[in-house]
């Protein structure tokens, strides 16, 4: 099973990071058929056929561990790039009033 890990930096309070990830789960569920659930306050689990991701909230970054099924393995580079783009954008938005 192909696997990769990555880190996405952020400069937000962890409660803001968690809230932003929480809002993003609806899109993951709707657009990709993923099941999203929290494992405690600090880890988001995203699973769908052929992919499991664990997103761990840490002080200055998110740590993402992804496991791909054999059919998605050849798309690992594209999947990594997509995750990086989406999470970087999500975490870069200014904090609202």
C-alpha atoms as a PDB file:
ATOM      1  CA  UNK A   1       0.000   0.000   0.000  1.00  0.00           C
ATOM      2  CA  UNK A   2       1.606   3.331  -1.028  1.00  0.00           C
ATOM      3  CA  UNK A   3       2.064   5.801   1.838  1.00  0.00           C
ATOM      4  CA  UNK A   4       3.382   9.279   2.322  1.00  0.00           C
ATOM      5  CA  UNK A   5       3.617  11.893   5.056  1.00  0.00           C
ATOM      6  CA  UNK A   6       3.651  15.627   4.787  1.00  0.00           C
ATOM      7  CA  UNK A   7       3.527  18.751   6.940  1.00  0.00           C
ATOM      8  CA  UNK A   8       1.594  21.938   6.267  1.00  0.00           C
ATOM      9  CA  UNK A   9       2.723  24.965   8.315  1.00  0.00           C
ATOM     10  CA  UNK A  10       0.277  27.367   9.931  1.00  0.00           C
ATOM     11  CA  UNK A  11       0.323  30.338  12.285  1.00  0.00           C
ATOM     12  CA  UNK A  12      -3.167  29.927  13.745  1.00  0.00           C
ATOM     13  CA  UNK A  13      -4.432  28.953  17.194  1.00  0.00           C
ATOM     14  CA  UNK A  14      -5.259  25.236  17.271  1.00  0.00           C
ATOM     15  CA  UNK A  15      -8.952  25.890  17.943  1.00  0.00           C
ATOM     16  CA  UNK A  16      -9.100  27.952  14.719  1.00  0.00           C
ATOM     17  CA  UNK A  17      -7.313  25.204  12.771  1.00  0.00           C
ATOM     18  CA  UNK A  18      -9.772  22.633  14.112  1.00  0.00           C
ATOM     19  CA  UNK A  19     -12.747  24.840  13.215  1.00  0.00           C
ATOM     20  CA  UNK A  20     -11.475  25.357   9.658  1.00  0.00           C
ATOM     21  CA  UNK A  21     -10.871  21.653   9.176  1.00  0.00           C
ATOM     22  CA  UNK A  22     -14.331  20.972  10.574  1.00  0.00           C
ATOM     23  CA  UNK A  23     -15.898  23.243   7.981  1.00  0.00           C
ATOM     24  CA  UNK A  24     -13.886  21.564   5.196  1.00  0.00           C
ATOM     25  CA  UNK A  25     -15.159  18.088   6.050  1.00  0.00           C
ATOM     26  CA  UNK A  26     -18.551  18.748   4.435  1.00  0.00           C
ATOM     27  CA  UNK A  27     -16.837  19.327   1.085  1.00  0.00           C
ATOM     28  CA  UNK A  28     -14.753  16.155   1.470  1.00  0.00           C
ATOM     29  CA  UNK A  29     -17.860  14.145   2.245  1.00  0.00           C
ATOM     30  CA  UNK A  30     -19.919  15.687  -0.562  1.00  0.00           C
ATOM     31  CA  UNK A  31     -17.320  15.867  -3.341  1.00  0.00           C
ATOM     32  CA  UNK A  32     -15.227  12.781  -2.602  1.00  0.00           C
ATOM     33  CA  UNK A  33     -17.545  10.454  -0.695  1.00  0.00           C
ATOM     34  CA  UNK A  34     -15.206  10.517   2.290  1.00  0.00           C
ATOM     35  CA  UNK A  35     -16.151   9.727   5.863  1.00  0.00           C
ATOM     36  CA  UNK A  36     -14.616  12.239   8.274  1.00  0.00           C
ATOM     37  CA  UNK A  37     -14.396  11.826  12.037  1.00  0.00           C
ATOM     38  CA  UNK A  38     -12.417  13.296  14.906  1.00  0.00           C
ATOM     39  CA  UNK A  39     -10.227  11.076  17.058  1.00  0.00           C
ATOM     40  CA  UNK A  40     -10.131  13.304  20.129  1.00  0.00           C
ATOM     41  CA  UNK A  41      -9.532  17.029  19.650  1.00  0.00           C
ATOM     42  CA  UNK A  42      -6.285  16.753  17.755  1.00  0.00           C
ATOM     43  CA  UNK A  43      -6.704  14.257  14.934  1.00  0.00           C
ATOM     44  CA  UNK A  44      -9.051  14.185  11.943  1.00  0.00           C
ATOM     45  CA  UNK A  45      -9.497  10.851  10.165  1.00  0.00           C
ATOM     46  CA  UNK A  46     -10.555  10.976   6.510  1.00  0.00           C
ATOM     47  CA  UNK A  47     -11.421   7.701   4.818  1.00  0.00           C
ATOM     48  CA  UNK A  48     -12.873   6.651   1.505  1.00  0.00           C
ATOM     49  CA  UNK A  49     -12.406   3.688  -0.757  1.00  0.00           C
ATOM     50  CA  UNK A  50      -8.712   3.526  -1.600  1.00  0.00           C
ATOM     51  CA  UNK A  51      -7.551   6.287   0.763  1.00  0.00           C
ATOM     52  CA  UNK A  52      -7.115   6.829   4.475  1.00  0.00           C
ATOM     53  CA  UNK A  53      -5.612  10.028   5.874  1.00  0.00           C
ATOM     54  CA  UNK A  54      -4.825  11.055   9.433  1.00  0.00           C
ATOM     55  CA  UNK A  55      -4.467  14.797   9.962  1.00  0.00           C
ATOM     56  CA  UNK A  56      -2.817  15.596  13.288  1.00  0.00           C
ATOM     57  CA  UNK A  57      -2.993  19.149  14.618  1.00  0.00           C
ATOM     58  CA  UNK A  58       0.294  20.375  16.053  1.00  0.00           C
ATOM     59  CA  UNK A  59       1.433  23.791  17.262  1.00  0.00           C
ATOM     60  CA  UNK A  60       2.926  25.213  14.062  1.00  0.00           C
ATOM     61  CA  UNK A  61       1.862  22.670  11.441  1.00  0.00           C
ATOM     62  CA  UNK A  62      -0.476  19.890  10.445  1.00  0.00           C
ATOM     63  CA  UNK A  63       1.060  16.460  10.061  1.00  0.00           C
ATOM     64  CA  UNK A  64      -0.719  14.368   7.421  1.00  0.00           C
ATOM     65  CA  UNK A  65      -0.201  10.628   6.986  1.00  0.00           C
ATOM     66  CA  UNK A  66      -1.836   9.189   3.852  1.00  0.00           C
ATOM     67  CA  UNK A  67      -2.268   5.548   2.863  1.00  0.00           C
ATOM     68  CA  UNK A  68      -3.427   4.826  -0.671  1.00  0.00           C
ATOM     69  CA  UNK A  69      -4.897   1.675  -2.150  1.00  0.00           C
ATOM     70  CA  UNK A  70      -3.186   0.113  -5.137  1.00  0.00           C
ATOM     71  CA  UNK A  71      -5.447   1.821  -7.680  1.00  0.00           C
ATOM     72  CA  UNK A  72      -4.731   5.299  -6.298  1.00  0.00           C
ATOM     73  CA  UNK A  73      -1.001   4.661  -5.860  1.00  0.00           C
ATOM     74  CA  UNK A  74      -0.051   6.013  -9.299  1.00  0.00           C
ATOM     75  CA  UNK A  75      -1.872   9.256  -8.415  1.00  0.00           C
ATOM     76  CA  UNK A  76       0.146   9.834  -5.223  1.00  0.00           C
ATOM     77  CA  UNK A  77       1.910  12.918  -6.613  1.00  0.00           C
ATOM     78  CA  UNK A  78      -1.344  14.533  -7.714  1.00  0.00           C
ATOM     79  CA  UNK A  79      -3.042  13.657  -4.435  1.00  0.00           C
ATOM     80  CA  UNK A  80      -0.130  15.123  -2.443  1.00  0.00           C
ATOM     81  CA  UNK A  81      -0.214  18.319  -4.529  1.00  0.00           C
ATOM     82  CA  UNK A  82      -3.987  18.636  -4.105  1.00  0.00           C
ATOM     83  CA  UNK A  83      -3.819  18.176  -0.330  1.00  0.00           C
ATOM     84  CA  UNK A  84      -1.016  20.729  -0.087  1.00  0.00           C
ATOM     85  CA  UNK A  85      -2.888  23.295  -2.175  1.00  0.00           C
ATOM     86  CA  UNK A  86      -6.201  22.891  -0.363  1.00  0.00           C
ATOM     87  CA  UNK A  87      -4.808  22.910   3.173  1.00  0.00           C
ATOM     88  CA  UNK A  88      -2.357  25.745   2.521  1.00  0.00           C
ATOM     89  CA  UNK A  89      -5.212  27.874   1.194  1.00  0.00           C
ATOM     90  CA  UNK A  90      -7.518  26.920   4.047  1.00  0.00           C
ATOM     91  CA  UNK A  91      -4.948  27.817   6.697  1.00  0.00           C
ATOM     92  CA  UNK A  92      -3.764  31.016   4.999  1.00  0.00           C
ATOM     93  CA  UNK A  93      -7.144  32.753   5.084  1.00  0.00           C
ATOM     94  CA  UNK A  94      -7.153  35.643   7.581  1.00  0.00           C
ATOM     95  CA  UNK A  95      -8.890  35.115  10.893  1.00  0.00           C
ATOM     96  CA  UNK A  96     -12.300  36.771  10.844  1.00  0.00           C
ATOM     97  CA  UNK A  97     -13.505  39.425  13.313  1.00  0.00           C
END
